[in-house]
PDB file of N, CA and C in Angstrom:
ATOM      1  N   UNK A   1     110.680 111.597  98.804  1.00  0.00           N
ATOM      2  CA  UNK A   1     108.099 112.082  98.564  1.00  0.00           C
ATOM      3  C   UNK A   1     108.405 112.637  97.487  1.00  0.00           C
ATOM      4  N   UNK A   2     107.758 112.160  96.798  1.00  0.00           N
ATOM      5  CA  UNK A   2     107.207 112.260  95.234  1.00  0.00           C
ATOM      6  C   UNK A   2     105.644 112.659  96.194  1.00  0.00           C
ATOM      7  N   UNK A   3     105.635 114.308  94.812  1.00  0.00           N
ATOM      8  CA  UNK A   3     103.952 114.674  95.269  1.00  0.00           C
ATOM      9  C   UNK A   3     102.955 114.848  94.055  1.00  0.00           C
ATOM     10  N   UNK A   4     101.713 113.815  94.446  1.00  0.00           N
ATOM     11  CA  UNK A   4     101.464 113.674  93.473  1.00  0.00           C
ATOM     12  C   UNK A   4      99.695 114.048  92.902  1.00  0.00           C
ATOM     13  N   UNK A   5      99.527 114.755  92.104  1.00  0.00           N
ATOM     14  CA  UNK A   5      97.936 114.659  92.500  1.00  0.00           C
ATOM     15  C   UNK A   5      97.224 113.692  91.449  1.00  0.00           C
ATOM     16  N   UNK A   6      97.291 112.283  91.581  1.00  0.00           N
ATOM     17  CA  UNK A   6      96.445 111.506  91.683  1.00  0.00           C
ATOM     18  C   UNK A   6      97.190 110.245  91.923  1.00  0.00           C
ATOM     19  N   UNK A   7      96.800 109.110  93.071  1.00  0.00           N
ATOM     20  CA  UNK A   7      97.164 108.092  93.241  1.00  0.00           C
ATOM     21  C   UNK A   7      97.809 107.263  92.986  1.00  0.00           C
ATOM     22  N   UNK A   8      99.011 106.516  93.414  1.00  0.00           N
ATOM     23  CA  UNK A   8      99.820 104.953  92.004  1.00  0.00           C
ATOM     24  C   UNK A   8      99.977 104.131  93.288  1.00  0.00           C
ATOM     25  N   UNK A   9      99.869 103.589  92.737  1.00  0.00           N
ATOM     26  CA  UNK A   9     100.123 102.049  93.711  1.00  0.00           C
ATOM     27  C   UNK A   9     101.616 101.846  94.116  1.00  0.00           C
ATOM     28  N   UNK A  10     101.592 100.725  95.012  1.00  0.00           N
ATOM     29  CA  UNK A  10     102.753 100.330  95.753  1.00  0.00           C
ATOM     30  C   UNK A  10     103.016  99.424  94.873  1.00  0.00           C
ATOM     31  N   UNK A  11     104.647  99.167  94.635  1.00  0.00           N
ATOM     32  CA  UNK A  11     105.368  98.742  93.673  1.00  0.00           C
ATOM     33  C   UNK A  11     105.563  99.533  92.562  1.00  0.00           C
ATOM     34  N   UNK A  12     104.551  99.659  92.016  1.00  0.00           N
ATOM     35  CA  UNK A  12     104.834 100.810  91.082  1.00  0.00           C
ATOM     36  C   UNK A  12     106.229 101.192  90.881  1.00  0.00           C
ATOM     37  N   UNK A  13     107.188 101.375  89.211  1.00  0.00           N
ATOM     38  CA  UNK A  13     107.938 101.890  89.242  1.00  0.00           C
ATOM     39  C   UNK A  13     107.857 103.298  88.095  1.00  0.00           C
ATOM     40  N   UNK A  14     108.517 103.868  88.561  1.00  0.00           N
ATOM     41  CA  UNK A  14     108.627 105.029  88.312  1.00  0.00           C
ATOM     42  C   UNK A  14     110.485 105.730  87.417  1.00  0.00           C
ATOM     43  N   UNK A  15     110.627 106.041  86.049  1.00  0.00           N
ATOM     44  CA  UNK A  15     111.550 106.569  85.294  1.00  0.00           C
ATOM     45  C   UNK A  15     112.003 107.926  85.632  1.00  0.00           C
ATOM     46  N   UNK A  16     113.252 108.056  86.734  1.00  0.00           N
ATOM     47  CA  UNK A  16     113.029 109.708  86.775  1.00  0.00           C
ATOM     48  C   UNK A  16     113.960 110.303  86.106  1.00  0.00           C
ATOM     49  N   UNK A  17     114.001 111.336  86.054  1.00  0.00           N
ATOM     50  CA  UNK A  17     115.045 112.613  85.528  1.00  0.00           C
ATOM     51  C   UNK A  17     114.857 114.030  87.190  1.00  0.00           C
ATOM     52  N   UNK A  18     115.699 113.545  87.407  1.00  0.00           N
ATOM     53  CA  UNK A  18     116.166 115.062  88.491  1.00  0.00           C
ATOM     54  C   UNK A  18     117.380 115.500  88.496  1.00  0.00           C
ATOM     55  N   UNK A  19     117.135 116.830  88.811  1.00  0.00           N
ATOM     56  CA  UNK A  19     117.004 118.460  88.991  1.00  0.00           C
ATOM     57  C   UNK A  19     118.167 118.908  90.243  1.00  0.00           C
ATOM     58  N   UNK A  20     118.665 118.821  90.669  1.00  0.00           N
ATOM     59  CA  UNK A  20     119.369 119.363  92.292  1.00  0.00           C
ATOM     60  C   UNK A  20     119.671 120.838  91.842  1.00  0.00           C
ATOM     61  N   UNK A  21     119.190 121.199  92.748  1.00  0.00           N
ATOM     62  CA  UNK A  21     119.280 122.978  92.450  1.00  0.00           C
ATOM     63  C   UNK A  21     120.983 123.221  92.997  1.00  0.00           C
ATOM     64  N   UNK A  22     121.590 122.963  92.360  1.00  0.00           N
ATOM     65  CA  UNK A  22     122.918 122.695  92.762  1.00  0.00           C
ATOM     66  C   UNK A  22     124.497 123.645  92.038  1.00  0.00           C
ATOM     67  N   UNK A  23     124.585 124.253  91.465  1.00  0.00           N
ATOM     68  CA  UNK A  23     125.118 125.478  90.628  1.00  0.00           C
ATOM     69  C   UNK A  23     126.222 123.760  90.115  1.00  0.00           C
ATOM     70  N   UNK A  24     126.164 123.844  88.831  1.00  0.00           N
ATOM     71  CA  UNK A  24     127.172 122.506  88.095  1.00  0.00           C
ATOM     72  C   UNK A  24     126.677 121.370  87.726  1.00  0.00           C
ATOM     73  N   UNK A  25     125.946 120.655  88.243  1.00  0.00           N
ATOM     74  CA  UNK A  25     124.914 119.186  89.075  1.00  0.00           C
ATOM     75  C   UNK A  25     124.549 119.789  87.344  1.00  0.00           C
ATOM     76  N   UNK A  26     125.050 117.740  86.621  1.00  0.00           N
ATOM     77  CA  UNK A  26     123.991 117.592  86.253  1.00  0.00           C
ATOM     78  C   UNK A  26     121.976 116.887  86.272  1.00  0.00           C
ATOM     79  N   UNK A  27     121.925 116.220  85.276  1.00  0.00           N
ATOM     80  CA  UNK A  27     120.462 115.606  85.884  1.00  0.00           C
ATOM     81  C   UNK A  27     121.585 113.940  85.943  1.00  0.00           C
ATOM     82  N   UNK A  28     120.364 113.696  86.660  1.00  0.00           N
ATOM     83  CA  UNK A  28     120.026 112.563  87.264  1.00  0.00           C
ATOM     84  C   UNK A  28     119.544 111.558  86.973  1.00  0.00           C
ATOM     85  N   UNK A  29     119.598 110.560  86.199  1.00  0.00           N
ATOM     86  CA  UNK A  29     118.743 109.021  86.131  1.00  0.00           C
ATOM     87  C   UNK A  29     118.559 107.793  86.630  1.00  0.00           C
ATOM     88  N   UNK A  30     117.256 107.512  87.050  1.00  0.00           N
ATOM     89  CA  UNK A  30     117.066 106.552  88.026  1.00  0.00           C
ATOM     90  C   UNK A  30     115.909 105.990  88.008  1.00  0.00           C
ATOM     91  N   UNK A  31     115.423 105.308  88.268  1.00  0.00           N
ATOM     92  CA  UNK A  31     114.233 104.432  88.369  1.00  0.00           C
ATOM     93  C   UNK A  31     114.291 104.347  90.062  1.00  0.00           C
ATOM     94  N   UNK A  32     113.253 104.325  90.418  1.00  0.00           N
ATOM     95  CA  UNK A  32     112.128 104.106  91.808  1.00  0.00           C
ATOM     96  C   UNK A  32     111.371 103.346  91.741  1.00  0.00           C
ATOM     97  N   UNK A  33     110.957 102.778  92.860  1.00  0.00           N
ATOM     98  CA  UNK A  33     109.614 102.702  93.804  1.00  0.00           C
ATOM     99  C   UNK A  33     109.045 103.004  94.477  1.00  0.00           C
ATOM    100  N   UNK A  34     107.196 101.998  94.157  1.00  0.00           N
ATOM    101  CA  UNK A  34     106.278 103.496  95.235  1.00  0.00           C
ATOM    102  C   UNK A  34     106.569 101.973  96.055  1.00  0.00           C
ATOM    103  N   UNK A  35     107.592 102.471  97.566  1.00  0.00           N
ATOM    104  CA  UNK A  35     107.095 101.399  98.524  1.00  0.00           C
ATOM    105  C   UNK A  35     105.869 101.927  99.724  1.00  0.00           C
ATOM    106  N   UNK A  36     105.772 103.482  99.883  1.00  0.00           N
ATOM    107  CA  UNK A  36     104.892 103.685 100.377  1.00  0.00           C
ATOM    108  C   UNK A  36     103.591 105.289  99.746  1.00  0.00           C
ATOM    109  N   UNK A  37     102.346 104.895 100.073  1.00  0.00           N
ATOM    110  CA  UNK A  37     101.387 106.236  99.688  1.00  0.00           C
ATOM    111  C   UNK A  37     100.478 106.635 100.887  1.00  0.00           C
ATOM    112  N   UNK A  38     100.791 107.984 100.890  1.00  0.00           N
ATOM    113  CA  UNK A  38      99.509 108.881 101.927  1.00  0.00           C
ATOM    114  C   UNK A  38      98.605 109.939 100.929  1.00  0.00           C
ATOM    115  N   UNK A  39      97.579 110.090 101.508  1.00  0.00           N
ATOM    116  CA  UNK A  39      96.942 110.872 101.010  1.00  0.00           C
ATOM    117  C   UNK A  39      96.765 111.706 101.738  1.00  0.00           C
ATOM    118  N   UNK A  40      96.900 113.362 101.356  1.00  0.00           N
ATOM    119  CA  UNK A  40      97.138 114.510 101.979  1.00  0.00           C
ATOM    120  C   UNK A  40      95.474 115.384 101.721  1.00  0.00           C
ATOM    121  N   UNK A  41      94.698 115.353 102.418  1.00  0.00           N
ATOM    122  CA  UNK A  41      93.254 115.966 102.439  1.00  0.00           C
ATOM    123  C   UNK A  41      93.422 117.641 102.495  1.00  0.00           C
ATOM    124  N   UNK A  42      94.348 117.792 103.171  1.00  0.00           N
ATOM    125  CA  UNK A  42      94.494 119.216 103.041  1.00  0.00           C
ATOM    126  C   UNK A  42      95.054 119.963 101.675  1.00  0.00           C
ATOM    127  N   UNK A  43      95.871 119.521 100.994  1.00  0.00           N
ATOM    128  CA  UNK A  43      96.257 119.827 100.093  1.00  0.00           C
ATOM    129  C   UNK A  43      96.096 119.240  98.467  1.00  0.00           C
ATOM    130  N   UNK A  44      95.415 118.326  99.216  1.00  0.00           N
ATOM    131  CA  UNK A  44      94.402 117.383  97.641  1.00  0.00           C
ATOM    132  C   UNK A  44      95.409 117.103  96.856  1.00  0.00           C
ATOM    133  N   UNK A  45      96.547 116.399  97.698  1.00  0.00           N
ATOM    134  CA  UNK A  45      97.384 115.046  97.030  1.00  0.00           C
ATOM    135  C   UNK A  45      98.076 114.173  97.716  1.00  0.00           C
ATOM    136  N   UNK A  46      98.547 113.451  96.572  1.00  0.00           N
ATOM    137  CA  UNK A  46      99.474 111.972  97.383  1.00  0.00           C
ATOM    138  C   UNK A  46     100.699 111.802  97.953  1.00  0.00           C
ATOM    139  N   UNK A  47     100.991 111.550  98.886  1.00  0.00           N
ATOM    140  CA  UNK A  47     103.022 111.376  98.878  1.00  0.00           C
ATOM    141  C   UNK A  47     102.782 109.994  98.856  1.00  0.00           C
ATOM    142  N   UNK A  48     103.487 110.180  97.800  1.00  0.00           N
ATOM    143  CA  UNK A  48     104.392 108.907  97.266  1.00  0.00           C
ATOM    144  C   UNK A  48     105.921 109.167  97.885  1.00  0.00           C
ATOM    145  N   UNK A  49     106.426 107.802  98.964  1.00  0.00           N
ATOM    146  CA  UNK A  49     107.548 107.249  99.043  1.00  0.00           C
ATOM    147  C   UNK A  49     108.569 106.469  98.368  1.00  0.00           C
ATOM    148  N   UNK A  50     109.056 106.710  97.826  1.00  0.00           N
ATOM    149  CA  UNK A  50     110.326 106.058  96.889  1.00  0.00           C
ATOM    150  C   UNK A  50     111.307 104.956  97.222  1.00  0.00           C
ATOM    151  N   UNK A  51     111.696 104.242  96.786  1.00  0.00           N
ATOM    152  CA  UNK A  51     112.849 103.646  96.580  1.00  0.00           C
ATOM    153  C   UNK A  51     113.252 103.604  95.832  1.00  0.00           C
ATOM    154  N   UNK A  52     115.417 103.771  95.461  1.00  0.00           N
ATOM    155  CA  UNK A  52     115.628 103.621  94.046  1.00  0.00           C
ATOM    156  C   UNK A  52     116.637 102.677  93.546  1.00  0.00           C
ATOM    157  N   UNK A  53     115.994 102.372  92.569  1.00  0.00           N
ATOM    158  CA  UNK A  53     115.764 100.580  92.527  1.00  0.00           C
ATOM    159  C   UNK A  53     117.672  99.924  91.073  1.00  0.00           C
ATOM    160  N   UNK A  54     117.544 101.572  90.866  1.00  0.00           N
ATOM    161  CA  UNK A  54     118.582 101.481  89.541  1.00  0.00           C
ATOM    162  C   UNK A  54     119.143 103.184  89.292  1.00  0.00           C
ATOM    163  N   UNK A  55     120.392 102.993  90.016  1.00  0.00           N
ATOM    164  CA  UNK A  55     120.633 104.314  90.446  1.00  0.00           C
ATOM    165  C   UNK A  55     122.443 104.189  90.458  1.00  0.00           C
ATOM    166  N   UNK A  56     122.960 105.117  89.725  1.00  0.00           N
ATOM    167  CA  UNK A  56     124.921 104.948  89.966  1.00  0.00           C
ATOM    168  C   UNK A  56     124.859 105.353  91.039  1.00  0.00           C
ATOM    169  N   UNK A  57     125.568 105.115  91.622  1.00  0.00           N
ATOM    170  CA  UNK A  57     126.383 105.346  92.555  1.00  0.00           C
ATOM    171  C   UNK A  57     126.671 106.613  93.073  1.00  0.00           C
ATOM    172  N   UNK A  58     127.423 107.336  91.687  1.00  0.00           N
ATOM    173  CA  UNK A  58     128.169 108.695  92.259  1.00  0.00           C
ATOM    174  C   UNK A  58     126.811 109.520  91.922  1.00  0.00           C
ATOM    175  N   UNK A  59     125.606 109.409  91.526  1.00  0.00           N
ATOM    176  CA  UNK A  59     124.480 109.802  91.266  1.00  0.00           C
ATOM    177  C   UNK A  59     123.501 109.531  93.070  1.00  0.00           C
ATOM    178  N   UNK A  60     123.309 108.771  93.795  1.00  0.00           N
ATOM    179  CA  UNK A  60     123.547 108.699  94.595  1.00  0.00           C
ATOM    180  C   UNK A  60     124.443 109.016  95.539  1.00  0.00           C
ATOM    181  N   UNK A  61     125.378 109.437  95.844  1.00  0.00           N
ATOM    182  CA  UNK A  61     126.460 110.407  96.386  1.00  0.00           C
ATOM    183  C   UNK A  61     125.722 111.445  96.531  1.00  0.00           C
ATOM    184  N   UNK A  62     125.575 111.877  94.757  1.00  0.00           N
ATOM    185  CA  UNK A  62     124.937 113.605  94.884  1.00  0.00           C
ATOM    186  C   UNK A  62     123.520 113.532  95.341  1.00  0.00           C
ATOM    187  N   UNK A  63     122.729 112.593  95.678  1.00  0.00           N
ATOM    188  CA  UNK A  63     121.388 112.695  96.500  1.00  0.00           C
ATOM    189  C   UNK A  63     121.818 113.250  97.831  1.00  0.00           C
ATOM    190  N   UNK A  64     122.544 112.117  98.140  1.00  0.00           N
ATOM    191  CA  UNK A  64     123.382 112.378  99.834  1.00  0.00           C
ATOM    192  C   UNK A  64     123.554 113.367 100.349  1.00  0.00           C
ATOM    193  N   UNK A  65     124.818 114.410  99.336  1.00  0.00           N
ATOM    194  CA  UNK A  65     124.958 114.986  99.673  1.00  0.00           C
ATOM    195  C   UNK A  65     124.423 116.006  99.509  1.00  0.00           C
ATOM    196  N   UNK A  66     123.148 116.598  99.202  1.00  0.00           N
ATOM    197  CA  UNK A  66     122.498 117.561  98.882  1.00  0.00           C
ATOM    198  C   UNK A  66     121.057 117.191 100.017  1.00  0.00           C
ATOM    199  N   UNK A  67     120.957 116.571 100.061  1.00  0.00           N
ATOM    200  CA  UNK A  67     120.128 116.107 101.675  1.00  0.00           C
ATOM    201  C   UNK A  67     121.168 116.600 103.253  1.00  0.00           C
ATOM    202  N   UNK A  68     122.590 116.462 102.489  1.00  0.00           N
ATOM    203  CA  UNK A  68     123.245 116.922 104.175  1.00  0.00           C
ATOM    204  C   UNK A  68     123.159 118.199 104.346  1.00  0.00           C
ATOM    205  N   UNK A  69     123.531 118.375 103.044  1.00  0.00           N
ATOM    206  CA  UNK A  69     123.332 120.597 103.023  1.00  0.00           C
ATOM    207  C   UNK A  69     122.461 120.972 102.869  1.00  0.00           C
ATOM    208  N   UNK A  70     120.812 120.836 103.282  1.00  0.00           N
ATOM    209  CA  UNK A  70     119.566 120.188 103.860  1.00  0.00           C
ATOM    210  C   UNK A  70     119.852 120.666 104.913  1.00  0.00           C
ATOM    211  N   UNK A  71     119.975 119.786 105.134  1.00  0.00           N
ATOM    212  CA  UNK A  71     119.671 119.711 106.781  1.00  0.00           C
ATOM    213  C   UNK A  71     120.667 120.512 107.642  1.00  0.00           C
ATOM    214  N   UNK A  72     121.327 120.651 107.035  1.00  0.00           N
ATOM    215  CA  UNK A  72     122.094 121.737 108.298  1.00  0.00           C
ATOM    216  C   UNK A  72     122.118 123.308 107.703  1.00  0.00           C
ATOM    217  N   UNK A  73     121.855 123.919 106.509  1.00  0.00           N
ATOM    218  CA  UNK A  73     121.505 125.054 106.575  1.00  0.00           C
ATOM    219  C   UNK A  73     119.835 124.975 106.646  1.00  0.00           C
ATOM    220  N   UNK A  74     118.694 123.516 107.272  1.00  0.00           N
ATOM    221  CA  UNK A  74     117.716 124.369 107.895  1.00  0.00           C
ATOM    222  C   UNK A  74     118.932 124.432 109.472  1.00  0.00           C
ATOM    223  N   UNK A  75     119.436 123.582 110.466  1.00  0.00           N
ATOM    224  CA  UNK A  75     119.946 123.261 111.289  1.00  0.00           C
ATOM    225  C   UNK A  75     120.345 124.758 111.812  1.00  0.00           C
ATOM    226  N   UNK A  76     121.342 125.583 110.714  1.00  0.00           N
ATOM    227  CA  UNK A  76     121.943 126.199 111.334  1.00  0.00           C
ATOM    228  C   UNK A  76     121.479 128.069 112.023  1.00  0.00           C
ATOM    229  N   UNK A  77     122.294 128.451 112.690  1.00  0.00           N
ATOM    230  CA  UNK A  77     122.048 129.299 113.961  1.00  0.00           C
ATOM    231  C   UNK A  77     121.452 130.617 112.941  1.00  0.00           C
ATOM    232  N   UNK A  78     119.905 131.130 113.308  1.00  0.00           N
ATOM    233  CA  UNK A  78     119.399 132.146 112.639  1.00  0.00           C
ATOM    234  C   UNK A  78     120.018 132.956 113.115  1.00  0.00           C
ATOM    235  N   UNK A  79     120.886 134.040 111.926  1.00  0.00           N
ATOM    236  CA  UNK A  79     121.454 135.172 112.722  1.00  0.00           C
ATOM    237  C   UNK A  79     120.659 136.338 112.249  1.00  0.00           C
TER     238      UNK A  79
END
């Protein structure tokens, strides 16, 4: 999910540089295609779902690992 101030067209391709907030990780380069767009009136922004169409397998795994880490952190019992 990406957030934009302006709407983007379905099918538009984006060249991306991603910096995961994980110590020791380097920048990830990828190309993604916008597959859905939703206007969020309260935030005055647009949310876009993307599909990666060019990404190294190693970088894809880094992203998946990061997502799992965040989900586990959110579901951990509060102490």
